[in-house]
Amino acid sequence: MSTPLAVGVAGVGALGYHHARHYRTLPGARLAGVYDARAERAQQVAAELGTTAFPSLDALLDAVEAISIAVPTTHHHPVGMAAIARGRHLLVEKPLAATIAEAEALVTAAERAGVVLVTGHVERFNRAIRSAAPHLSSPRYIEADRVAPFAVRGSDVAVILDLMIHDLDLVLALVHEPVTDVRASGIGILTPSVDIATARIEFASGAVANLTASRLARERVRKLRIFQPSGYFSLDLAAGSGDYLRLRPDAMARLAAGAPDLAALVERVPLEAPEGDALALELANFLAAVRGTEPAAVTGGDGLEALRLADRVLGAMSAAAAAAVR
């Protein structure tokens, strides 16, 4: 077996901790250490996971070949650029950066340096998405609901960049077409930014996605509904499960003959995929991409496109708000 890759994590808050935890046990990886701007947090995580707490980002970069960047979004660009300058492969948590210009700079720099840059859109590895994937074909209408209780983490950016961007990435991955129109609205309640938002996205073929995101809910909900010519998917991303109701081959004839209800027109298709922690699968894919044994599932370019669409949502929201006060 080849020598394990020395990997590290910059930013070991709630999410970065789990990056470090998984690296500690993933085959082909050696957790070389962690860094956090809060030295006491880095030391706490290092002690728990049996690794090294580095006193600076530079010191961590000296010790690794690849790194997960899970610092606050506003720091993705400087930390990512520092890693690229050292020739380190990097996984940057979503969103790729706080602005399109910063994201473009990261993608360009990584390409020039010849390092692997992936974006941490972990929902691509959700068991519900993986189980539906073999049956997906030309989605025409998508509905996504993603709500969560308020948390300080992520509140430095609009809910579009904090939560909705997961679904923006999924929609782009599902439809594979140019976006022709974006309409959106949203308001801020607890932060100066947007805390609740809805967006309608139209594609060149006429496919439509309606997305809702809120960080002011009492409970967490992550649901995705996908309609395509062959049937309907109802996916619970929180549970990692779902249903596929496929139209029977003779559905139209049955309808014409007076089928009594929907059950007579569709058949339930089992959705199955191997068990697996989504984040662990994402990190394993990152390591494989670094080794060149499989392509990155979510490239830096994919992260950039999701951010560009998020920016269009924010722009549409601003335009709607301006129109409302005229």
C-alpha atoms as a PDB file:
ATOM      1  CA  MET A   1       0.000   0.000   0.000  1.00  0.00           C
ATOM      2  CA  SER A   2       1.252   3.510  -0.769  1.00  0.00           C
ATOM      3  CA  THR A   3       2.411   5.818   1.997  1.00  0.00           C
ATOM      4  CA  PRO A   4      -0.514   7.532   3.758  1.00  0.00           C
ATOM      5  CA  LEU A   5      -1.030  11.177   2.846  1.00  0.00           C
ATOM      6  CA  ALA A   6      -0.190  13.633   5.594  1.00  0.00           C
ATOM      7  CA  VAL A   7      -3.342  15.693   6.033  1.00  0.00           C
ATOM      8  CA  GLY A   8      -4.378  18.506   8.324  1.00  0.00           C
ATOM      9  CA  VAL A   9      -7.376  20.648   9.193  1.00  0.00           C
ATOM     10  CA  ALA A  10      -7.414  24.427   9.456  1.00  0.00           C
ATOM     11  CA  GLY A  11     -10.342  25.485  11.638  1.00  0.00           C
ATOM     12  CA  VAL A  12     -11.538  22.831  14.065  1.00  0.00           C
ATOM     13  CA  GLY A  13     -14.871  24.215  15.154  1.00  0.00           C
ATOM     14  CA  ALA A  14     -18.039  22.148  14.945  1.00  0.00           C
ATOM     15  CA  LEU A  15     -17.437  21.007  11.352  1.00  0.00           C
ATOM     16  CA  GLY A  16     -13.647  21.036  11.195  1.00  0.00           C
ATOM     17  CA  TYR A  17     -13.538  18.744  14.211  1.00  0.00           C
ATOM     18  CA  HIS A  18     -15.377  16.085  12.217  1.00  0.00           C
ATOM     19  CA  HIS A  19     -12.948  16.481   9.311  1.00  0.00           C
ATOM     20  CA  ALA A  20     -10.100  15.764  11.711  1.00  0.00           C
ATOM     21  CA  ARG A  21     -11.982  12.885  13.331  1.00  0.00           C
ATOM     22  CA  HIS A  22     -12.534  11.161   9.998  1.00  0.00           C
ATOM     23  CA  TYR A  23      -8.998  11.739   8.744  1.00  0.00           C
ATOM     24  CA  ARG A  24      -7.773   9.976  11.869  1.00  0.00           C
ATOM     25  CA  THR A  25      -9.381   6.713  10.714  1.00  0.00           C
ATOM     26  CA  LEU A  26      -9.603   6.964   6.903  1.00  0.00           C
ATOM     27  CA  PRO A  27      -7.399   4.488   5.030  1.00  0.00           C
ATOM     28  CA  GLY A  28      -4.636   6.236   3.134  1.00  0.00           C
ATOM     29  CA  ALA A  29      -4.567   9.256   5.432  1.00  0.00           C
ATOM     30  CA  ARG A  30      -2.423  10.270   8.373  1.00  0.00           C
ATOM     31  CA  LEU A  31      -3.762  13.118  10.483  1.00  0.00           C
ATOM     32  CA  ALA A  32      -0.636  15.237  10.884  1.00  0.00           C
ATOM     33  CA  GLY A  33      -2.286  17.946  12.936  1.00  0.00           C
ATOM     34  CA  VAL A  34      -4.737  20.790  13.266  1.00  0.00           C
ATOM     35  CA  TYR A  35      -4.698  24.548  13.547  1.00  0.00           C
ATOM     36  CA  ASP A  36      -7.286  26.977  14.865  1.00  0.00           C
ATOM     37  CA  ALA A  37      -7.079  30.690  15.577  1.00  0.00           C
ATOM     38  CA  ARG A  38      -8.260  29.752  19.075  1.00  0.00           C
ATOM     39  CA  ALA A  39      -5.190  27.957  20.401  1.00  0.00           C
ATOM     40  CA  GLU A  40      -7.091  26.381  23.271  1.00  0.00           C
ATOM     41  CA  ARG A  41      -9.607  24.825  20.848  1.00  0.00           C
ATOM     42  CA  ALA A  42      -6.835  23.387  18.678  1.00  0.00           C
ATOM     43  CA  GLN A  43      -5.149  21.919  21.764  1.00  0.00           C
ATOM     44  CA  GLN A  44      -8.421  20.426  22.996  1.00  0.00           C
ATOM     45  CA  VAL A  45      -9.123  18.723  19.650  1.00  0.00           C
ATOM     46  CA  ALA A  46      -5.522  17.558  19.280  1.00  0.00           C
ATOM     47  CA  ALA A  47      -5.557  15.992  22.731  1.00  0.00           C
ATOM     48  CA  GLU A  48      -8.835  14.217  22.039  1.00  0.00           C
ATOM     49  CA  LEU A  49      -7.736  12.880  18.643  1.00  0.00           C
ATOM     50  CA  GLY A  50      -4.127  12.150  19.495  1.00  0.00           C
ATOM     51  CA  THR A  51      -2.569  14.578  17.032  1.00  0.00           C
ATOM     52  CA  THR A  52      -0.604  17.848  17.046  1.00  0.00           C
ATOM     53  CA  ALA A  53      -1.976  21.344  17.590  1.00  0.00           C
ATOM     54  CA  PHE A  54       0.169  23.639  15.450  1.00  0.00           C
ATOM     55  CA  PRO A  55       0.759  27.213  16.639  1.00  0.00           C
ATOM     56  CA  SER A  56       0.237  28.752  13.198  1.00  0.00           C
ATOM     57  CA  LEU A  57      -1.225  28.024   9.787  1.00  0.00           C
ATOM     58  CA  ASP A  58       2.262  28.145   8.266  1.00  0.00           C
ATOM     59  CA  ALA A  59       3.471  25.503  10.702  1.00  0.00           C
ATOM     60  CA  LEU A  60       0.563  23.225   9.781  1.00  0.00           C
ATOM     61  CA  LEU A  61       1.166  23.736   6.058  1.00  0.00           C
ATOM     62  CA  ASP A  62       4.808  22.752   6.550  1.00  0.00           C
ATOM     63  CA  ALA A  63       3.675  19.391   7.928  1.00  0.00           C
ATOM     64  CA  VAL A  64       1.001  18.319   5.429  1.00  0.00           C
ATOM     65  CA  GLU A  65       0.468  17.373   1.793  1.00  0.00           C
ATOM     66  CA  ALA A  66      -3.261  18.090   1.806  1.00  0.00           C
ATOM     67  CA  ILE A  67      -5.557  20.137   3.994  1.00  0.00           C
ATOM     68  CA  SER A  68      -9.219  20.690   4.819  1.00  0.00           C
ATOM     69  CA  ILE A  69     -10.125  24.342   5.269  1.00  0.00           C
ATOM     70  CA  ALA A  70     -13.064  24.751   7.632  1.00  0.00           C
ATOM     71  CA  VAL A  71     -12.447  28.288   8.856  1.00  0.00           C
ATOM     72  CA  PRO A  72     -15.216  30.925   8.623  1.00  0.00           C
ATOM     73  CA  THR A  73     -16.231  31.703   5.043  1.00  0.00           C
ATOM     74  CA  THR A  74     -14.658  35.150   5.088  1.00  0.00           C
ATOM     75  CA  HIS A  75     -11.255  33.496   5.656  1.00  0.00           C
ATOM     76  CA  HIS A  76     -11.510  30.822   2.957  1.00  0.00           C
ATOM     77  CA  HIS A  77      -9.655  32.940   0.417  1.00  0.00           C
ATOM     78  CA  PRO A  78      -6.544  33.920   2.413  1.00  0.00           C
ATOM     79  CA  VAL A  79      -6.172  30.482   3.999  1.00  0.00           C
ATOM     80  CA  GLY A  80      -6.764  28.731   0.681  1.00  0.00           C
ATOM     81  CA  MET A  81      -4.283  30.938  -1.155  1.00  0.00           C
ATOM     82  CA  ALA A  82      -1.664  30.264   1.525  1.00  0.00           C
ATOM     83  CA  ALA A  83      -2.156  26.510   1.047  1.00  0.00           C
ATOM     84  CA  ILE A  84      -1.922  26.789  -2.732  1.00  0.00           C
ATOM     85  CA  ALA A  85       1.236  28.898  -2.486  1.00  0.00           C
ATOM     86  CA  ARG A  86       2.809  25.984  -0.582  1.00  0.00           C
ATOM     87  CA  GLY A  87       1.666  23.496  -3.218  1.00  0.00           C
ATOM     88  CA  ARG A  88      -0.823  21.825  -0.873  1.00  0.00           C
ATOM     89  CA  HIS A  89      -3.958  20.092  -2.134  1.00  0.00           C
ATOM     90  CA  LEU A  90      -7.056  21.505  -0.492  1.00  0.00           C
ATOM     91  CA  LEU A  91     -10.677  20.856   0.296  1.00  0.00           C
ATOM     92  CA  VAL A  92     -12.464  24.111   1.060  1.00  0.00           C
ATOM     93  CA  GLU A  93     -15.769  23.900   2.893  1.00  0.00           C
ATOM     94  CA  LYS A  94     -18.794  25.413   1.193  1.00  0.00           C
ATOM     95  CA  PRO A  95     -19.198  28.094   0.049  1.00  0.00           C
ATOM     96  CA  LEU A  96     -15.874  28.135  -1.766  1.00  0.00           C
ATOM     97  CA  ALA A  97     -15.348  31.788  -0.815  1.00  0.00           C
ATOM     98  CA  ALA A  98     -17.190  34.866   0.381  1.00  0.00           C
ATOM     99  CA  THR A  99     -17.154  36.514  -3.071  1.00  0.00           C
ATOM    100  CA  ILE A 100     -16.988  35.417  -6.681  1.00  0.00           C
ATOM    101  CA  ALA A 101     -13.690  37.253  -7.178  1.00  0.00           C
ATOM    102  CA  GLU A 102     -12.134  35.344  -4.278  1.00  0.00           C
ATOM    103  CA  ALA A 103     -13.484  32.030  -5.563  1.00  0.00           C
ATOM    104  CA  GLU A 104     -12.165  32.732  -9.057  1.00  0.00           C
ATOM    105  CA  ALA A 105      -8.760  33.555  -7.584  1.00  0.00           C
ATOM    106  CA  LEU A 106      -8.680  30.240  -5.726  1.00  0.00           C
ATOM    107  CA  VAL A 107      -9.647  28.223  -8.813  1.00  0.00           C
ATOM    108  CA  THR A 108      -7.126  30.009 -11.032  1.00  0.00           C
ATOM    109  CA  ALA A 109      -4.309  29.720  -8.502  1.00  0.00           C
ATOM    110  CA  ALA A 110      -4.957  26.009  -7.956  1.00  0.00           C
ATOM    111  CA  GLU A 111      -4.915  25.338 -11.689  1.00  0.00           C
ATOM    112  CA  ARG A 112      -1.650  27.203 -12.112  1.00  0.00           C
ATOM    113  CA  ALA A 113      -0.060  25.430  -9.158  1.00  0.00           C
ATOM    114  CA  GLY A 114      -1.279  22.026 -10.296  1.00  0.00           C
ATOM    115  CA  VAL A 115      -2.940  21.216  -6.983  1.00  0.00           C
ATOM    116  CA  VAL A 116      -6.299  19.558  -6.382  1.00  0.00           C
ATOM    117  CA  LEU A 117      -9.001  21.958  -5.196  1.00  0.00           C
ATOM    118  CA  VAL A 118     -12.362  20.524  -4.185  1.00  0.00           C
ATOM    119  CA  THR A 119     -15.386  22.168  -2.590  1.00  0.00           C
ATOM    120  CA  GLY A 120     -17.086  20.681   0.446  1.00  0.00           C
ATOM    121  CA  HIS A 121     -20.615  20.278  -0.874  1.00  0.00           C
ATOM    122  CA  VAL A 122     -21.252  17.235   1.271  1.00  0.00           C
ATOM    123  CA  GLU A 123     -24.871  16.706   0.162  1.00  0.00           C
ATOM    124  CA  ARG A 124     -23.555  15.207  -3.077  1.00  0.00           C
ATOM    125  CA  PHE A 125     -22.579  12.207  -0.917  1.00  0.00           C
ATOM    126  CA  ASN A 126     -25.895  11.996   0.952  1.00  0.00           C
ATOM    127  CA  ARG A 127     -27.267   8.459   0.884  1.00  0.00           C
ATOM    128  CA  ALA A 128     -30.626   9.686  -0.444  1.00  0.00           C
ATOM    129  CA  ILE A 129     -28.901  11.411  -3.379  1.00  0.00           C
ATOM    130  CA  ARG A 130     -26.689   8.397  -4.049  1.00  0.00           C
ATOM    131  CA  SER A 131     -29.664   6.043  -4.031  1.00  0.00           C
ATOM    132  CA  ALA A 132     -31.687   8.227  -6.403  1.00  0.00           C
ATOM    133  CA  ALA A 133     -28.823   8.848  -8.833  1.00  0.00           C
ATOM    134  CA  PRO A 134     -29.264   5.674 -10.967  1.00  0.00           C
ATOM    135  CA  HIS A 135     -32.900   6.597 -11.628  1.00  0.00           C
ATOM    136  CA  LEU A 136     -32.532  10.330 -12.323  1.00  0.00           C
ATOM    137  CA  SER A 137     -33.173  11.438 -15.882  1.00  0.00           C
ATOM    138  CA  SER A 138     -34.015  14.951 -17.093  1.00  0.00           C
ATOM    139  CA  PRO A 139     -35.547  16.492 -13.950  1.00  0.00           C
ATOM    140  CA  ARG A 140     -38.169  19.058 -14.892  1.00  0.00           C
ATOM    141  CA  TYR A 141     -39.338  20.446 -11.558  1.00  0.00           C
ATOM    142  CA  ILE A 142     -37.432  20.510  -8.262  1.00  0.00           C
ATOM    143  CA  GLU A 143     -38.526  21.677  -4.819  1.00  0.00           C
ATOM    144  CA  ALA A 144     -36.088  22.011  -1.926  1.00  0.00           C
ATOM    145  CA  ASP A 145     -36.779  22.927   1.696  1.00  0.00           C
ATOM    146  CA  ARG A 146     -33.812  23.465   3.997  1.00  0.00           C
ATOM    147  CA  VAL A 147     -34.466  25.009   7.407  1.00  0.00           C
ATOM    148  CA  ALA A 148     -32.574  24.923  10.697  1.00  0.00           C
ATOM    149  CA  PRO A 149     -32.488  26.554  14.124  1.00  0.00           C
ATOM    150  CA  PHE A 150     -30.353  29.667  14.390  1.00  0.00           C
ATOM    151  CA  ALA A 151     -26.653  29.147  15.059  1.00  0.00           C
ATOM    152  CA  VAL A 152     -23.857  31.679  15.244  1.00  0.00           C
ATOM    153  CA  ARG A 153     -21.737  29.557  12.905  1.00  0.00           C
ATOM    154  CA  GLY A 154     -22.562  30.588   9.354  1.00  0.00           C
ATOM    155  CA  SER A 155     -24.443  33.713  10.374  1.00  0.00           C
ATOM    156  CA  ASP A 156     -21.614  35.907   9.075  1.00  0.00           C
ATOM    157  CA  VAL A 157     -23.096  35.421   5.594  1.00  0.00           C
ATOM    158  CA  ALA A 158     -26.618  35.402   4.145  1.00  0.00           C
ATOM    159  CA  VAL A 159     -28.648  32.218   4.485  1.00  0.00           C
ATOM    160  CA  ILE A 160     -28.196  31.789   0.731  1.00  0.00           C
ATOM    161  CA  LEU A 161     -24.475  31.196   1.279  1.00  0.00           C
ATOM    162  CA  ASP A 162     -24.975  29.375   4.566  1.00  0.00           C
ATOM    163  CA  LEU A 163     -27.778  26.901   3.745  1.00  0.00           C
ATOM    164  CA  MET A 164     -29.357  27.395   0.331  1.00  0.00           C
ATOM    165  CA  ILE A 165     -26.042  26.950  -1.460  1.00  0.00           C
ATOM    166  CA  HIS A 166     -26.251  23.207  -0.735  1.00  0.00           C
ATOM    167  CA  ASP A 167     -29.384  23.024  -2.851  1.00  0.00           C
ATOM    168  CA  LEU A 168     -28.059  25.417  -5.491  1.00  0.00           C
ATOM    169  CA  ASP A 169     -25.172  23.009  -5.997  1.00  0.00           C
ATOM    170  CA  LEU A 170     -27.492  19.995  -6.111  1.00  0.00           C
ATOM    171  CA  VAL A 171     -29.793  21.663  -8.636  1.00  0.00           C
ATOM    172  CA  LEU A 172     -26.874  22.526 -10.916  1.00  0.00           C
ATOM    173  CA  ALA A 173     -25.617  18.945 -10.657  1.00  0.00           C
ATOM    174  CA  LEU A 174     -29.074  17.533 -11.422  1.00  0.00           C
ATOM    175  CA  VAL A 175     -30.132  19.737 -14.328  1.00  0.00           C
ATOM    176  CA  HIS A 176     -26.855  20.354 -16.237  1.00  0.00           C
ATOM    177  CA  GLU A 177     -28.241  23.322 -18.194  1.00  0.00           C
ATOM    178  CA  PRO A 178     -27.704  27.092 -18.364  1.00  0.00           C
ATOM    179  CA  VAL A 179     -29.758  29.144 -15.926  1.00  0.00           C
ATOM    180  CA  THR A 180     -31.967  31.604 -17.823  1.00  0.00           C
ATOM    181  CA  ASP A 181     -33.839  33.380 -15.022  1.00  0.00           C
ATOM    182  CA  VAL A 182     -33.624  33.822 -11.255  1.00  0.00           C
ATOM    183  CA  ARG A 183     -36.240  35.374  -8.997  1.00  0.00           C
ATOM    184  CA  ALA A 184     -35.905  35.603  -5.245  1.00  0.00           C
ATOM    185  CA  SER A 185     -37.047  37.278  -2.053  1.00  0.00           C
ATOM    186  CA  GLY A 186     -35.841  37.233   1.519  1.00  0.00           C
ATOM    187  CA  ILE A 187     -35.566  39.109   4.790  1.00  0.00           C
ATOM    188  CA  GLY A 188     -33.261  39.420   7.756  1.00  0.00           C
ATOM    189  CA  ILE A 189     -34.609  38.954  11.275  1.00  0.00           C
ATOM    190  CA  LEU A 190     -31.730  38.177  13.618  1.00  0.00           C
ATOM    191  CA  THR A 191     -28.827  39.348  11.482  1.00  0.00           C
ATOM    192  CA  PRO A 192     -28.133  42.336   9.203  1.00  0.00           C
ATOM    193  CA  SER A 193     -28.147  39.863   6.315  1.00  0.00           C
ATOM    194  CA  VAL A 194     -30.881  37.560   4.954  1.00  0.00           C
ATOM    195  CA  ASP A 195     -32.140  34.841   7.320  1.00  0.00           C
ATOM    196  CA  ILE A 196     -35.122  33.517   5.325  1.00  0.00           C
ATOM    197  CA  ALA A 197     -35.165  33.246   1.532  1.00  0.00           C
ATOM    198  CA  THR A 198     -36.984  31.713  -1.399  1.00  0.00           C
ATOM    199  CA  ALA A 199     -35.695  31.452  -4.958  1.00  0.00           C
ATOM    200  CA  ARG A 200     -37.126  30.351  -8.293  1.00  0.00           C
ATOM    201  CA  ILE A 201     -34.557  29.249 -10.865  1.00  0.00           C
ATOM    202  CA  GLU A 202     -35.413  28.554 -14.498  1.00  0.00           C
ATOM    203  CA  PHE A 203     -33.232  26.665 -16.959  1.00  0.00           C
ATOM    204  CA  ALA A 204     -32.841  26.748 -20.724  1.00  0.00           C
ATOM    205  CA  SER A 205     -35.020  23.638 -21.231  1.00  0.00           C
ATOM    206  CA  GLY A 206     -37.829  25.074 -19.102  1.00  0.00           C
ATOM    207  CA  ALA A 207     -36.879  23.065 -16.013  1.00  0.00           C
ATOM    208  CA  VAL A 208     -37.672  24.920 -12.782  1.00  0.00           C
ATOM    209  CA  ALA A 209     -36.331  24.753  -9.232  1.00  0.00           C
ATOM    210  CA  ASN A 210     -38.052  26.364  -6.250  1.00  0.00           C
ATOM    211  CA  LEU A 211     -35.838  26.599  -3.174  1.00  0.00           C
ATOM    212  CA  THR A 212     -36.577  27.692   0.397  1.00  0.00           C
ATOM    213  CA  ALA A 213     -33.998  28.237   3.128  1.00  0.00           C
ATOM    214  CA  SER A 214     -34.356  29.505   6.689  1.00  0.00           C
ATOM    215  CA  ARG A 215     -32.114  29.535   9.735  1.00  0.00           C
ATOM    216  CA  LEU A 216     -34.928  30.554  12.066  1.00  0.00           C
ATOM    217  CA  ALA A 217     -36.788  27.240  12.316  1.00  0.00           C
ATOM    218  CA  ARG A 218     -37.489  25.243  15.470  1.00  0.00           C
ATOM    219  CA  GLU A 219     -36.416  21.973  13.841  1.00  0.00           C
ATOM    220  CA  ARG A 220     -34.084  20.900  11.054  1.00  0.00           C
ATOM    221  CA  VAL A 221     -35.644  19.914   7.726  1.00  0.00           C
ATOM    222  CA  ARG A 222     -33.758  18.969   4.548  1.00  0.00           C
ATOM    223  CA  LYS A 223     -36.122  17.698   1.873  1.00  0.00           C
ATOM    224  CA  LEU A 224     -35.874  17.487  -1.885  1.00  0.00           C
ATOM    225  CA  ARG A 225     -38.652  16.645  -4.346  1.00  0.00           C
ATOM    226  CA  ILE A 226     -37.808  15.929  -7.968  1.00  0.00           C
ATOM    227  CA  PHE A 227     -40.303  15.480 -10.804  1.00  0.00           C
ATOM    228  CA  GLN A 228     -39.217  14.024 -14.144  1.00  0.00           C
ATOM    229  CA  PRO A 229     -41.079  12.429 -17.072  1.00  0.00           C
ATOM    230  CA  SER A 230     -40.704   8.961 -15.573  1.00  0.00           C
ATOM    231  CA  GLY A 231     -41.959   9.779 -12.097  1.00  0.00           C
ATOM    232  CA  TYR A 232     -41.433  11.533  -8.773  1.00  0.00           C
ATOM    233  CA  PHE A 233     -38.767  11.425  -6.047  1.00  0.00           C
ATOM    234  CA  SER A 234     -39.359  12.446  -2.452  1.00  0.00           C
ATOM    235  CA  LEU A 235     -36.006  12.551  -0.659  1.00  0.00           C
ATOM    236  CA  ASP A 236     -35.375  13.193   3.029  1.00  0.00           C
ATOM    237  CA  LEU A 237     -31.768  14.314   3.116  1.00  0.00           C
ATOM    238  CA  ALA A 238     -31.719  14.479   6.909  1.00  0.00           C
ATOM    239  CA  ALA A 239     -32.663  10.806   7.155  1.00  0.00           C
ATOM    240  CA  GLY A 240     -30.733   9.785   4.029  1.00  0.00           C
ATOM    241  CA  SER A 241     -33.794   8.025   2.623  1.00  0.00           C
ATOM    242  CA  GLY A 242     -36.508   8.525   0.052  1.00  0.00           C
ATOM    243  CA  ASP A 243     -39.130   7.184  -2.314  1.00  0.00           C
ATOM    244  CA  TYR A 244     -39.320   6.929  -6.088  1.00  0.00           C
ATOM    245  CA  LEU A 245     -42.788   6.640  -7.545  1.00  0.00           C
ATOM    246  CA  ARG A 246     -42.325   5.614 -11.170  1.00  0.00           C
ATOM    247  CA  LEU A 247     -45.094   5.858 -13.740  1.00  0.00           C
ATOM    248  CA  ARG A 248     -46.261   2.442 -14.885  1.00  0.00           C
ATOM    249  CA  PRO A 249     -45.643   1.792 -18.616  1.00  0.00           C
ATOM    250  CA  ASP A 250     -49.416   1.713 -19.177  1.00  0.00           C
ATOM    251  CA  ALA A 251     -50.185   4.663 -16.892  1.00  0.00           C
ATOM    252  CA  MET A 252     -51.821   6.779 -19.597  1.00  0.00           C
ATOM    253  CA  ALA A 253     -54.034   3.911 -20.706  1.00  0.00           C
ATOM    254  CA  ARG A 254     -55.011   3.253 -17.102  1.00  0.00           C
ATOM    255  CA  LEU A 255     -55.808   6.945 -16.631  1.00  0.00           C
ATOM    256  CA  ALA A 256     -57.954   6.983 -19.762  1.00  0.00           C
ATOM    257  CA  ALA A 257     -59.736   3.884 -18.507  1.00  0.00           C
ATOM    258  CA  GLY A 258     -60.629   5.634 -15.249  1.00  0.00           C
ATOM    259  CA  ALA A 259     -57.865   4.647 -12.830  1.00  0.00           C
ATOM    260  CA  PRO A 260     -59.272   5.337  -9.340  1.00  0.00           C
ATOM    261  CA  ASP A 261     -56.178   6.945  -7.780  1.00  0.00           C
ATOM    262  CA  LEU A 262     -52.464   7.629  -8.067  1.00  0.00           C
ATOM    263  CA  ALA A 263     -51.570   4.198  -6.695  1.00  0.00           C
ATOM    264  CA  ALA A 264     -53.010   2.664  -9.857  1.00  0.00           C
ATOM    265  CA  LEU A 265     -50.711   4.777 -12.051  1.00  0.00           C
ATOM    266  CA  VAL A 266     -47.351   4.422 -10.314  1.00  0.00           C
ATOM    267  CA  GLU A 267     -45.129   1.757  -8.832  1.00  0.00           C
ATOM    268  CA  ARG A 268     -42.795   2.240  -5.880  1.00  0.00           C
ATOM    269  CA  VAL A 269     -39.163   1.612  -6.807  1.00  0.00           C
ATOM    270  CA  PRO A 270     -36.826   0.785  -3.903  1.00  0.00           C
ATOM    271  CA  LEU A 271     -34.028   3.316  -3.478  1.00  0.00           C
ATOM    272  CA  GLU A 272     -30.857   1.714  -2.215  1.00  0.00           C
ATOM    273  CA  ALA A 273     -27.267   2.785  -1.714  1.00  0.00           C
ATOM    274  CA  PRO A 274     -24.477   1.529   0.533  1.00  0.00           C
ATOM    275  CA  GLU A 275     -24.409   2.906   4.052  1.00  0.00           C
ATOM    276  CA  GLY A 276     -21.754   5.508   4.606  1.00  0.00           C
ATOM    277  CA  ASP A 277     -21.159   8.765   6.434  1.00  0.00           C
ATOM    278  CA  ALA A 278     -21.449  11.530   3.833  1.00  0.00           C
ATOM    279  CA  LEU A 279     -18.500  13.519   5.179  1.00  0.00           C
ATOM    280  CA  ALA A 280     -16.277  10.437   5.356  1.00  0.00           C
ATOM    281  CA  LEU A 281     -17.170   9.635   1.736  1.00  0.00           C
ATOM    282  CA  GLU A 282     -16.409  13.219   0.716  1.00  0.00           C
ATOM    283  CA  LEU A 283     -12.995  13.135   2.389  1.00  0.00           C
ATOM    284  CA  ALA A 284     -12.219   9.731   0.894  1.00  0.00           C
ATOM    285  CA  ASN A 285     -13.025  11.138  -2.552  1.00  0.00           C
ATOM    286  CA  PHE A 286     -10.725  14.100  -1.866  1.00  0.00           C
ATOM    287  CA  LEU A 287      -7.857  11.774  -0.954  1.00  0.00           C
ATOM    288  CA  ALA A 288      -8.493   9.659  -4.044  1.00  0.00           C
ATOM    289  CA  ALA A 289      -8.498  12.799  -6.225  1.00  0.00           C
ATOM    290  CA  VAL A 290      -5.164  13.849  -4.712  1.00  0.00           C
ATOM    291  CA  ARG A 291      -3.744  10.403  -5.495  1.00  0.00           C
ATOM    292  CA  GLY A 292      -5.230  10.526  -8.995  1.00  0.00           C
ATOM    293  CA  THR A 293      -7.222   7.317  -8.568  1.00  0.00           C
ATOM    294  CA  GLU A 294     -10.648   8.913  -9.111  1.00  0.00           C
ATOM    295  CA  PRO A 295     -11.981  12.317 -10.175  1.00  0.00           C
ATOM    296  CA  ALA A 296     -13.077  14.870  -7.621  1.00  0.00           C
ATOM    297  CA  ALA A 297     -16.845  14.695  -7.222  1.00  0.00           C
ATOM    298  CA  VAL A 298     -17.161  18.431  -6.533  1.00  0.00           C
ATOM    299  CA  THR A 299     -14.365  20.478  -8.051  1.00  0.00           C
ATOM    300  CA  GLY A 300     -13.356  24.014  -7.242  1.00  0.00           C
ATOM    301  CA  GLY A 301     -15.048  24.951 -10.512  1.00  0.00           C
ATOM    302  CA  ASP A 302     -18.285  23.388  -9.281  1.00  0.00           C
ATOM    303  CA  GLY A 303     -18.020  25.408  -6.100  1.00  0.00           C
ATOM    304  CA  LEU A 304     -17.479  28.550  -8.158  1.00  0.00           C
ATOM    305  CA  GLU A 305     -20.592  27.875 -10.256  1.00  0.00           C
ATOM    306  CA  ALA A 306     -22.708  27.347  -7.128  1.00  0.00           C
ATOM    307  CA  LEU A 307     -21.390  30.628  -5.754  1.00  0.00           C
ATOM    308  CA  ARG A 308     -22.169  32.422  -9.027  1.00  0.00           C
ATOM    309  CA  LEU A 309     -25.744  31.157  -8.856  1.00  0.00           C
ATOM    310  CA  ALA A 310     -25.967  32.215  -5.200  1.00  0.00           C
ATOM    311  CA  ASP A 311     -24.837  35.677  -6.257  1.00  0.00           C
ATOM    312  CA  ARG A 312     -27.603  35.775  -8.852  1.00  0.00           C
ATOM    313  CA  VAL A 313     -30.102  34.843  -6.133  1.00  0.00           C
ATOM    314  CA  LEU A 314     -28.806  37.662  -3.938  1.00  0.00           C
ATOM    315  CA  GLY A 315     -28.973  40.056  -6.889  1.00  0.00           C
ATOM    316  CA  ALA A 316     -32.547  39.059  -7.690  1.00  0.00           C
ATOM    317  CA  MET A 317     -33.454  39.543  -4.047  1.00  0.00           C
ATOM    318  CA  SER A 318     -31.996  43.043  -4.013  1.00  0.00           C
ATOM    319  CA  ALA A 319     -33.821  43.915  -7.234  1.00  0.00           C
ATOM    320  CA  ALA A 320     -37.130  42.658  -5.799  1.00  0.00           C
ATOM    321  CA  ALA A 321     -36.635  44.661  -2.622  1.00  0.00           C
ATOM    322  CA  ALA A 322     -35.818  47.809  -4.585  1.00  0.00           C
ATOM    323  CA  ALA A 323     -38.894  47.366  -6.770  1.00  0.00           C
ATOM    324  CA  ALA A 324     -41.092  46.961  -3.690  1.00  0.00           C
ATOM    325  CA  VAL A 325     -40.197  50.408  -2.321  1.00  0.00           C
ATOM    326  CA  ARG A 326     -40.698  52.352  -5.554  1.00  0.00           C
END
